[in-house]
PDB file of all heavy atoms in Angstrom:
ATOM      1  N   SER A   1      -0.086   0.945  -7.154  1.00  0.00           N
ATOM      2  CA  SER A   1      -0.134  -0.501  -6.889  1.00  0.00           C
ATOM      3  C   SER A   1       1.011  -1.209  -7.595  1.00  0.00           C
ATOM      4  O   SER A   1       1.680  -2.084  -7.014  1.00  0.00           O
ATOM      5  CB  SER A   1      -1.471  -1.083  -7.358  1.00  0.00           C
ATOM      6  OG  SER A   1      -2.555  -0.472  -6.679  1.00  0.00           O
ATOM      7  N   LEU A   2       1.253  -0.836  -8.844  1.00  0.00           N
ATOM      8  CA  LEU A   2       2.323  -1.461  -9.615  1.00  0.00           C
ATOM      9  C   LEU A   2       3.689  -1.196  -8.981  1.00  0.00           C
ATOM     10  O   LEU A   2       4.526  -2.109  -8.866  1.00  0.00           O
ATOM     11  CB  LEU A   2       2.293  -0.930 -11.050  1.00  0.00           C
ATOM     12  CG  LEU A   2       3.427  -1.395 -11.970  1.00  0.00           C
ATOM     13  CD1 LEU A   2       3.427  -2.914 -12.103  1.00  0.00           C
ATOM     14  CD2 LEU A   2       3.305  -0.739 -13.334  1.00  0.00           C
ATOM     15  N   LEU A   3       3.919   0.035  -8.542  1.00  0.00           N
ATOM     16  CA  LEU A   3       5.221   0.356  -7.947  1.00  0.00           C
ATOM     17  C   LEU A   3       5.447  -0.409  -6.653  1.00  0.00           C
ATOM     18  O   LEU A   3       6.567  -0.837  -6.365  1.00  0.00           O
ATOM     19  CB  LEU A   3       5.323   1.856  -7.699  1.00  0.00           C
ATOM     20  CG  LEU A   3       5.449   2.712  -8.953  1.00  0.00           C
ATOM     21  CD1 LEU A   3       5.464   4.191  -8.591  1.00  0.00           C
ATOM     22  CD2 LEU A   3       6.712   2.361  -9.729  1.00  0.00           C
ATOM     23  N   ALA A   4       4.393  -0.577  -5.864  1.00  0.00           N
ATOM     24  CA  ALA A   4       4.527  -1.366  -4.638  1.00  0.00           C
ATOM     25  C   ALA A   4       4.886  -2.811  -4.974  1.00  0.00           C
ATOM     26  O   ALA A   4       5.758  -3.417  -4.330  1.00  0.00           O
ATOM     27  CB  ALA A   4       3.229  -1.310  -3.842  1.00  0.00           C
ATOM     28  N   ILE A   5       4.250  -3.353  -5.977  1.00  0.00           N
ATOM     29  CA  ILE A   5       4.507  -4.737  -6.378  1.00  0.00           C
ATOM     30  C   ILE A   5       5.936  -4.892  -6.893  1.00  0.00           C
ATOM     31  O   ILE A   5       6.656  -5.823  -6.503  1.00  0.00           O
ATOM     32  CB  ILE A   5       3.478  -5.181  -7.433  1.00  0.00           C
ATOM     33  CG1 ILE A   5       2.073  -5.233  -6.815  1.00  0.00           C
ATOM     34  CG2 ILE A   5       3.854  -6.529  -8.029  1.00  0.00           C
ATOM     35  CD1 ILE A   5       0.950  -5.320  -7.835  1.00  0.00           C
ATOM     36  N   LEU A   6       6.361  -3.986  -7.768  1.00  0.00           N
ATOM     37  CA  LEU A   6       7.720  -4.064  -8.306  1.00  0.00           C
ATOM     38  C   LEU A   6       8.754  -3.778  -7.222  1.00  0.00           C
ATOM     39  O   LEU A   6       9.807  -4.428  -7.149  1.00  0.00           O
ATOM     40  CB  LEU A   6       7.881  -3.074  -9.458  1.00  0.00           C
ATOM     41  CG  LEU A   6       7.045  -3.317 -10.713  1.00  0.00           C
ATOM     42  CD1 LEU A   6       7.284  -2.210 -11.736  1.00  0.00           C
ATOM     43  CD2 LEU A   6       7.361  -4.675 -11.327  1.00  0.00           C
ATOM     44  N   GLY A   7       8.475  -2.794  -6.373  1.00  0.00           N
ATOM     45  CA  GLY A   7       9.419  -2.422  -5.330  1.00  0.00           C
ATOM     46  C   GLY A   7       9.634  -3.519  -4.307  1.00  0.00           C
ATOM     47  O   GLY A   7      10.755  -3.690  -3.796  1.00  0.00           O
ATOM     48  N   SER A   8       8.576  -4.260  -3.988  1.00  0.00           N
ATOM     49  CA  SER A   8       8.694  -5.306  -2.966  1.00  0.00           C
ATOM     50  C   SER A   8       9.702  -6.374  -3.368  1.00  0.00           C
ATOM     51  O   SER A   8      10.301  -7.029  -2.518  1.00  0.00           O
ATOM     52  CB  SER A   8       7.327  -5.942  -2.707  1.00  0.00           C
ATOM     53  OG  SER A   8       6.845  -6.609  -3.870  1.00  0.00           O
ATOM     54  N   LYS A   9       9.919  -6.520  -4.660  1.00  0.00           N
ATOM     55  CA  LYS A   9      10.884  -7.512  -5.154  1.00  0.00           C
ATOM     56  C   LYS A   9      12.313  -7.151  -4.767  1.00  0.00           C
ATOM     57  O   LYS A   9      13.177  -8.016  -4.648  1.00  0.00           O
ATOM     58  CB  LYS A   9      10.753  -7.610  -6.684  1.00  0.00           C
ATOM     59  CG  LYS A   9      11.645  -8.666  -7.326  1.00  0.00           C
ATOM     60  CD  LYS A   9      11.299  -8.870  -8.791  1.00  0.00           C
ATOM     61  CE  LYS A   9      11.623  -7.663  -9.635  1.00  0.00           C
ATOM     62  NZ  LYS A   9      11.484  -7.930 -11.098  1.00  0.00           N
ATOM     63  N   TYR A  10      12.568  -5.857  -4.566  1.00  0.00           N
ATOM     64  CA  TYR A  10      13.925  -5.392  -4.264  1.00  0.00           C
ATOM     65  C   TYR A  10      14.081  -4.955  -2.806  1.00  0.00           C
ATOM     66  O   TYR A  10      15.045  -4.285  -2.455  1.00  0.00           O
ATOM     67  CB  TYR A  10      14.293  -4.241  -5.196  1.00  0.00           C
ATOM     68  CG  TYR A  10      14.355  -4.659  -6.644  1.00  0.00           C
ATOM     69  CD1 TYR A  10      13.360  -4.277  -7.541  1.00  0.00           C
ATOM     70  CD2 TYR A  10      15.382  -5.483  -7.099  1.00  0.00           C
ATOM     71  CE1 TYR A  10      13.404  -4.679  -8.872  1.00  0.00           C
ATOM     72  CE2 TYR A  10      15.431  -5.892  -8.429  1.00  0.00           C
ATOM     73  CZ  TYR A  10      14.436  -5.488  -9.308  1.00  0.00           C
ATOM     74  OH  TYR A  10      14.483  -5.897 -10.619  1.00  0.00           O
ATOM     75  N   GLN A  11      13.150  -5.361  -1.966  1.00  0.00           N
ATOM     76  CA  GLN A  11      13.243  -5.029  -0.551  1.00  0.00           C
ATOM     77  C   GLN A  11      14.321  -5.875   0.107  1.00  0.00           C
ATOM     78  O   GLN A  11      14.237  -7.095   0.129  1.00  0.00           O
ATOM     79  CB  GLN A  11      11.887  -5.271   0.129  1.00  0.00           C
ATOM     80  CG  GLN A  11      11.882  -5.040   1.621  1.00  0.00           C
ATOM     81  CD  GLN A  11      12.070  -3.580   1.972  1.00  0.00           C
ATOM     82  OE1 GLN A  11      13.187  -3.066   2.013  1.00  0.00           O
ATOM     83  NE2 GLN A  11      10.971  -2.889   2.210  1.00  0.00           N
ATOM     84  N   ASP A  12      15.359  -5.221   0.632  1.00  0.00           N
ATOM     85  CA  ASP A  12      16.451  -5.944   1.290  1.00  0.00           C
ATOM     86  C   ASP A  12      16.077  -6.419   2.681  1.00  0.00           C
ATOM     87  O   ASP A  12      16.646  -7.370   3.201  1.00  0.00           O
ATOM     88  CB  ASP A  12      17.700  -5.051   1.386  1.00  0.00           C
ATOM     89  CG  ASP A  12      18.320  -4.793   0.023  1.00  0.00           C
ATOM     90  OD1 ASP A  12      18.138  -5.646  -0.863  1.00  0.00           O
ATOM     91  OD2 ASP A  12      18.970  -3.753  -0.150  1.00  0.00           O
ATOM     92  N   SER A  13      15.120  -5.740   3.292  1.00  0.00           N
ATOM     93  CA  SER A  13      14.754  -6.063   4.665  1.00  0.00           C
ATOM     94  C   SER A  13      14.107  -7.443   4.746  1.00  0.00           C
ATOM     95  O   SER A  13      13.474  -7.928   3.800  1.00  0.00           O
ATOM     96  CB  SER A  13      13.787  -5.004   5.204  1.00  0.00           C
ATOM     97  OG  SER A  13      13.261  -5.392   6.438  1.00  0.00           O
ATOM     98  N   ASN A  14      14.263  -8.073   5.891  1.00  0.00           N
ATOM     99  CA  ASN A  14      13.605  -9.363   6.124  1.00  0.00           C
ATOM    100  C   ASN A  14      12.123  -9.197   6.433  1.00  0.00           C
ATOM    101  O   ASN A  14      11.368 -10.170   6.409  1.00  0.00           O
ATOM    102  CB  ASN A  14      14.291 -10.098   7.284  1.00  0.00           C
ATOM    103  CG  ASN A  14      15.709 -10.521   6.937  1.00  0.00           C
ATOM    104  OD1 ASN A  14      15.982 -10.877   5.801  1.00  0.00           O
ATOM    105  ND2 ASN A  14      16.611 -10.455   7.915  1.00  0.00           N
ATOM    106  N   SER A  15      11.713  -7.965   6.739  1.00  0.00           N
ATOM    107  CA  SER A  15      10.303  -7.725   7.053  1.00  0.00           C
ATOM    108  C   SER A  15       9.480  -7.637   5.775  1.00  0.00           C
ATOM    109  O   SER A  15       9.999  -7.441   4.682  1.00  0.00           O
ATOM    110  CB  SER A  15      10.164  -6.435   7.857  1.00  0.00           C
ATOM    111  OG  SER A  15      10.632  -5.331   7.108  1.00  0.00           O
ATOM    112  N   ARG A  16       8.169  -7.754   5.928  1.00  0.00           N
ATOM    113  CA  ARG A  16       7.261  -7.653   4.789  1.00  0.00           C
ATOM    114  C   ARG A  16       7.197  -6.215   4.295  1.00  0.00           C
ATOM    115  O   ARG A  16       7.343  -5.273   5.061  1.00  0.00           O
ATOM    116  CB  ARG A  16       5.863  -8.134   5.187  1.00  0.00           C
ATOM    117  CG  ARG A  16       5.785  -9.651   5.284  1.00  0.00           C
ATOM    118  CD  ARG A  16       4.659 -10.148   6.199  1.00  0.00           C
ATOM    119  NE  ARG A  16       3.421  -9.447   6.124  1.00  0.00           N
ATOM    120  CZ  ARG A  16       2.239  -9.993   5.722  1.00  0.00           C
ATOM    121  NH1 ARG A  16       2.209 -11.249   5.304  1.00  0.00           N
ATOM    122  NH2 ARG A  16       1.131  -9.303   5.759  1.00  0.00           N
ATOM    123  N   PHE A  17       6.964  -6.071   3.001  1.00  0.00           N
ATOM    124  CA  PHE A  17       6.901  -4.744   2.381  1.00  0.00           C
ATOM    125  C   PHE A  17       5.696  -3.998   2.939  1.00  0.00           C
ATOM    126  O   PHE A  17       4.585  -4.538   3.036  1.00  0.00           O
ATOM    127  CB  PHE A  17       6.781  -4.894   0.865  1.00  0.00           C
ATOM    128  CG  PHE A  17       7.053  -3.637   0.105  1.00  0.00           C
ATOM    129  CD1 PHE A  17       8.351  -3.175  -0.063  1.00  0.00           C
ATOM    130  CD2 PHE A  17       6.019  -2.895  -0.461  1.00  0.00           C
ATOM    131  CE1 PHE A  17       8.620  -2.021  -0.780  1.00  0.00           C
ATOM    132  CE2 PHE A  17       6.267  -1.745  -1.183  1.00  0.00           C
ATOM    133  CZ  PHE A  17       7.573  -1.303  -1.333  1.00  0.00           C
ATOM    134  N   LYS A  18       5.883  -2.725   3.284  1.00  0.00           N
ATOM    135  CA  LYS A  18       4.840  -1.915   3.907  1.00  0.00           C
ATOM    136  C   LYS A  18       4.226  -0.964   2.888  1.00  0.00           C
ATOM    137  O   LYS A  18       4.942  -0.275   2.154  1.00  0.00           O
ATOM    138  CB  LYS A  18       5.410  -1.115   5.081  1.00  0.00           C
ATOM    139  CG  LYS A  18       5.912  -1.963   6.245  1.00  0.00           C
ATOM    140  CD  LYS A  18       6.477  -1.091   7.350  1.00  0.00           C
ATOM    141  CE  LYS A  18       6.898  -1.909   8.559  1.00  0.00           C
ATOM    142  NZ  LYS A  18       8.000  -2.830   8.260  1.00  0.00           N
ATOM    143  N   ILE A  19       2.885  -0.929   2.858  1.00  0.00           N
ATOM    144  CA  ILE A  19       2.184  -0.003   1.980  1.00  0.00           C
ATOM    145  C   ILE A  19       1.197   0.820   2.792  1.00  0.00           C
ATOM    146  O   ILE A  19       0.719   0.392   3.850  1.00  0.00           O
ATOM    147  CB  ILE A  19       1.473  -0.720   0.814  1.00  0.00           C
ATOM    148  CG1 ILE A  19       0.429  -1.717   1.327  1.00  0.00           C
ATOM    149  CG2 ILE A  19       2.497  -1.424  -0.063  1.00  0.00           C
ATOM    150  CD1 ILE A  19      -0.385  -2.372   0.214  1.00  0.00           C
ATOM    151  N   PHE A  20       0.859   2.014   2.281  1.00  0.00           N
ATOM    152  CA  PHE A  20       0.081   2.981   3.054  1.00  0.00           C
ATOM    153  C   PHE A  20      -1.042   3.558   2.199  1.00  0.00           C
ATOM    154  O   PHE A  20      -0.831   3.955   1.057  1.00  0.00           O
ATOM    155  CB  PHE A  20       0.996   4.102   3.562  1.00  0.00           C
ATOM    156  CG  PHE A  20       2.131   3.582   4.402  1.00  0.00           C
ATOM    157  CD1 PHE A  20       3.334   3.216   3.808  1.00  0.00           C
ATOM    158  CD2 PHE A  20       1.984   3.422   5.767  1.00  0.00           C
ATOM    159  CE1 PHE A  20       4.378   2.705   4.569  1.00  0.00           C
ATOM    160  CE2 PHE A  20       3.020   2.915   6.540  1.00  0.00           C
ATOM    161  CZ  PHE A  20       4.218   2.553   5.943  1.00  0.00           C
ATOM    162  N   ASN A  21      -2.235   3.600   2.798  1.00  0.00           N
ATOM    163  CA  ASN A  21      -3.433   4.049   2.093  1.00  0.00           C
ATOM    164  C   ASN A  21      -4.227   4.976   3.019  1.00  0.00           C
ATOM    165  O   ASN A  21      -4.107   4.906   4.235  1.00  0.00           O
ATOM    166  CB  ASN A  21      -4.283   2.827   1.703  1.00  0.00           C
ATOM    167  CG  ASN A  21      -5.615   3.203   1.080  1.00  0.00           C
ATOM    168  OD1 ASN A  21      -6.630   3.282   1.761  1.00  0.00           O
ATOM    169  ND2 ASN A  21      -5.609   3.424  -0.220  1.00  0.00           N
ATOM    170  N   GLY A  22      -5.030   5.850   2.425  1.00  0.00           N
ATOM    171  CA  GLY A  22      -5.903   6.720   3.204  1.00  0.00           C
ATOM    172  C   GLY A  22      -7.348   6.523   2.826  1.00  0.00           C
ATOM    173  O   GLY A  22      -7.680   6.326   1.648  1.00  0.00           O
ATOM    174  N   ARG A  23      -8.218   6.582   3.805  1.00  0.00           N
ATOM    175  CA  ARG A  23      -9.657   6.443   3.558  1.00  0.00           C
ATOM    176  C   ARG A  23     -10.407   7.447   4.422  1.00  0.00           C
ATOM    177  O   ARG A  23      -9.988   7.777   5.536  1.00  0.00           O
ATOM    178  CB  ARG A  23     -10.151   5.027   3.898  1.00  0.00           C
ATOM    179  CG  ARG A  23      -9.929   4.638   5.340  1.00  0.00           C
ATOM    180  CD  ARG A  23     -10.391   3.211   5.627  1.00  0.00           C
ATOM    181  NE  ARG A  23     -11.829   3.111   5.635  1.00  0.00           N
ATOM    182  CZ  ARG A  23     -12.591   3.259   6.723  1.00  0.00           C
ATOM    183  NH1 ARG A  23     -12.025   3.540   7.892  1.00  0.00           N
ATOM    184  NH2 ARG A  23     -13.893   3.140   6.656  1.00  0.00           N
ATOM    185  N   PHE A  24     -11.514   7.960   3.880  1.00  0.00           N
ATOM    186  CA  PHE A  24     -12.395   8.820   4.666  1.00  0.00           C
ATOM    187  C   PHE A  24     -13.499   7.976   5.277  1.00  0.00           C
ATOM    188  O   PHE A  24     -14.056   7.081   4.617  1.00  0.00           O
ATOM    189  CB  PHE A  24     -12.979   9.927   3.795  1.00  0.00           C
ATOM    190  CG  PHE A  24     -11.973  10.969   3.406  1.00  0.00           C
ATOM    191  CD1 PHE A  24     -11.310  10.894   2.190  1.00  0.00           C
ATOM    192  CD2 PHE A  24     -11.669  12.016   4.267  1.00  0.00           C
ATOM    193  CE1 PHE A  24     -10.375  11.844   1.829  1.00  0.00           C
ATOM    194  CE2 PHE A  24     -10.721  12.969   3.914  1.00  0.00           C
ATOM    195  CZ  PHE A  24     -10.075  12.888   2.702  1.00  0.00           C
ATOM    196  N   THR A  25     -13.817   8.242   6.509  1.00  0.00           N
ATOM    197  CA  THR A  25     -14.769   7.400   7.242  1.00  0.00           C
ATOM    198  C   THR A  25     -16.223   7.789   6.988  1.00  0.00           C
ATOM    199  O   THR A  25     -17.128   7.109   7.468  1.00  0.00           O
ATOM    200  CB  THR A  25     -14.488   7.502   8.754  1.00  0.00           C
ATOM    201  OG1 THR A  25     -14.597   8.874   9.175  1.00  0.00           O
ATOM    202  CG2 THR A  25     -13.084   7.001   9.079  1.00  0.00           C
ATOM    203  N   ASP A  26     -16.459   8.853   6.226  1.00  0.00           N
ATOM    204  CA  ASP A  26     -17.814   9.400   6.093  1.00  0.00           C
ATOM    205  C   ASP A  26     -18.687   8.659   5.086  1.00  0.00           C
ATOM    206  O   ASP A  26     -19.904   8.616   5.238  1.00  0.00           O
ATOM    207  CB  ASP A  26     -17.735  10.868   5.667  1.00  0.00           C
ATOM    208  CG  ASP A  26     -16.910  11.683   6.640  1.00  0.00           C
ATOM    209  OD1 ASP A  26     -15.672  11.680   6.505  1.00  0.00           O
ATOM    210  OD2 ASP A  26     -17.496  12.295   7.541  1.00  0.00           O
ATOM    211  N   SER A  27     -18.063   8.117   4.031  1.00  0.00           N
ATOM    212  CA  SER A  27     -18.862   7.536   2.958  1.00  0.00           C
ATOM    213  C   SER A  27     -18.014   6.547   2.169  1.00  0.00           C
ATOM    214  O   SER A  27     -16.812   6.759   1.986  1.00  0.00           O
ATOM    215  CB  SER A  27     -19.368   8.647   2.023  1.00  0.00           C
ATOM    216  OG  SER A  27     -19.885   8.124   0.828  1.00  0.00           O
ATOM    217  N   ASP A  28     -18.653   5.470   1.695  1.00  0.00           N
ATOM    218  CA  ASP A  28     -17.947   4.491   0.865  1.00  0.00           C
ATOM    219  C   ASP A  28     -17.433   5.109  -0.432  1.00  0.00           C
ATOM    220  O   ASP A  28     -16.476   4.616  -1.032  1.00  0.00           O
ATOM    221  CB  ASP A  28     -18.877   3.320   0.529  1.00  0.00           C
ATOM    222  CG  ASP A  28     -19.146   2.443   1.740  1.00  0.00           C
ATOM    223  OD1 ASP A  28     -18.385   2.552   2.721  1.00  0.00           O
ATOM    224  OD2 ASP A  28     -20.125   1.668   1.708  1.00  0.00           O
ATOM    225  N   ALA A  29     -18.078   6.208  -0.875  1.00  0.00           N
ATOM    226  CA  ALA A  29     -17.650   6.870  -2.114  1.00  0.00           C
ATOM    227  C   ALA A  29     -16.263   7.487  -1.967  1.00  0.00           C
ATOM    228  O   ALA A  29     -15.629   7.815  -2.972  1.00  0.00           O
ATOM    229  CB  ALA A  29     -18.662   7.939  -2.514  1.00  0.00           C
ATOM    230  N   PHE A  30     -15.800   7.647  -0.727  1.00  0.00           N
ATOM    231  CA  PHE A  30     -14.490   8.250  -0.474  1.00  0.00           C
ATOM    232  C   PHE A  30     -13.559   7.251   0.225  1.00  0.00           C
ATOM    233  O   PHE A  30     -12.663   7.634   0.964  1.00  0.00           O
ATOM    234  CB  PHE A  30     -14.651   9.510   0.376  1.00  0.00           C
ATOM    235  CG  PHE A  30     -15.470  10.576  -0.294  1.00  0.00           C
ATOM    236  CD1 PHE A  30     -16.851  10.630  -0.115  1.00  0.00           C
ATOM    237  CD2 PHE A  30     -14.873  11.513  -1.121  1.00  0.00           C
ATOM    238  CE1 PHE A  30     -17.606  11.610  -0.735  1.00  0.00           C
ATOM    239  CE2 PHE A  30     -15.620  12.490  -1.745  1.00  0.00           C
ATOM    240  CZ  PHE A  30     -16.994  12.542  -1.565  1.00  0.00           C
ATOM    241  N   ASP A  31     -13.791   5.973  -0.026  1.00  0.00           N
ATOM    242  CA  ASP A  31     -12.984   4.916   0.582  1.00  0.00           C
ATOM    243  C   ASP A  31     -12.594   3.904  -0.496  1.00  0.00           C
ATOM    244  O   ASP A  31     -13.427   3.150  -0.983  1.00  0.00           O
ATOM    245  CB  ASP A  31     -13.776   4.231   1.698  1.00  0.00           C
ATOM    246  CG  ASP A  31     -13.001   3.094   2.361  1.00  0.00           C
ATOM    247  OD1 ASP A  31     -11.820   2.882   1.999  1.00  0.00           O
ATOM    248  OD2 ASP A  31     -13.584   2.426   3.233  1.00  0.00           O
ATOM    249  N   GLU A  32     -11.291   3.918  -0.877  1.00  0.00           N
ATOM    250  CA  GLU A  32     -10.805   2.971  -1.879  1.00  0.00           C
ATOM    251  C   GLU A  32      -9.809   1.987  -1.262  1.00  0.00           C
ATOM    252  O   GLU A  32      -9.002   1.383  -1.970  1.00  0.00           O
ATOM    253  CB  GLU A  32     -10.171   3.729  -3.047  1.00  0.00           C
ATOM    254  CG  GLU A  32     -11.157   4.623  -3.778  1.00  0.00           C
ATOM    255  CD  GLU A  32     -10.609   5.161  -5.089  1.00  0.00           C
ATOM    256  OE1 GLU A  32      -9.381   5.337  -5.202  1.00  0.00           O
ATOM    257  OE2 GLU A  32     -11.419   5.388  -6.005  1.00  0.00           O
TER     258      GLU A  32
END
C-alpha cells in the first residue's frame, strides 16, 4: 500500500495510478 501511494506521486502518465489485488471468492477469510 505504501509503495503504491509513494509511486503514484511520480507517475508521469496523465492517467490515474493503477493498482492490482487478488481475492478468493469462496470465503471472506480469503478476501482482503
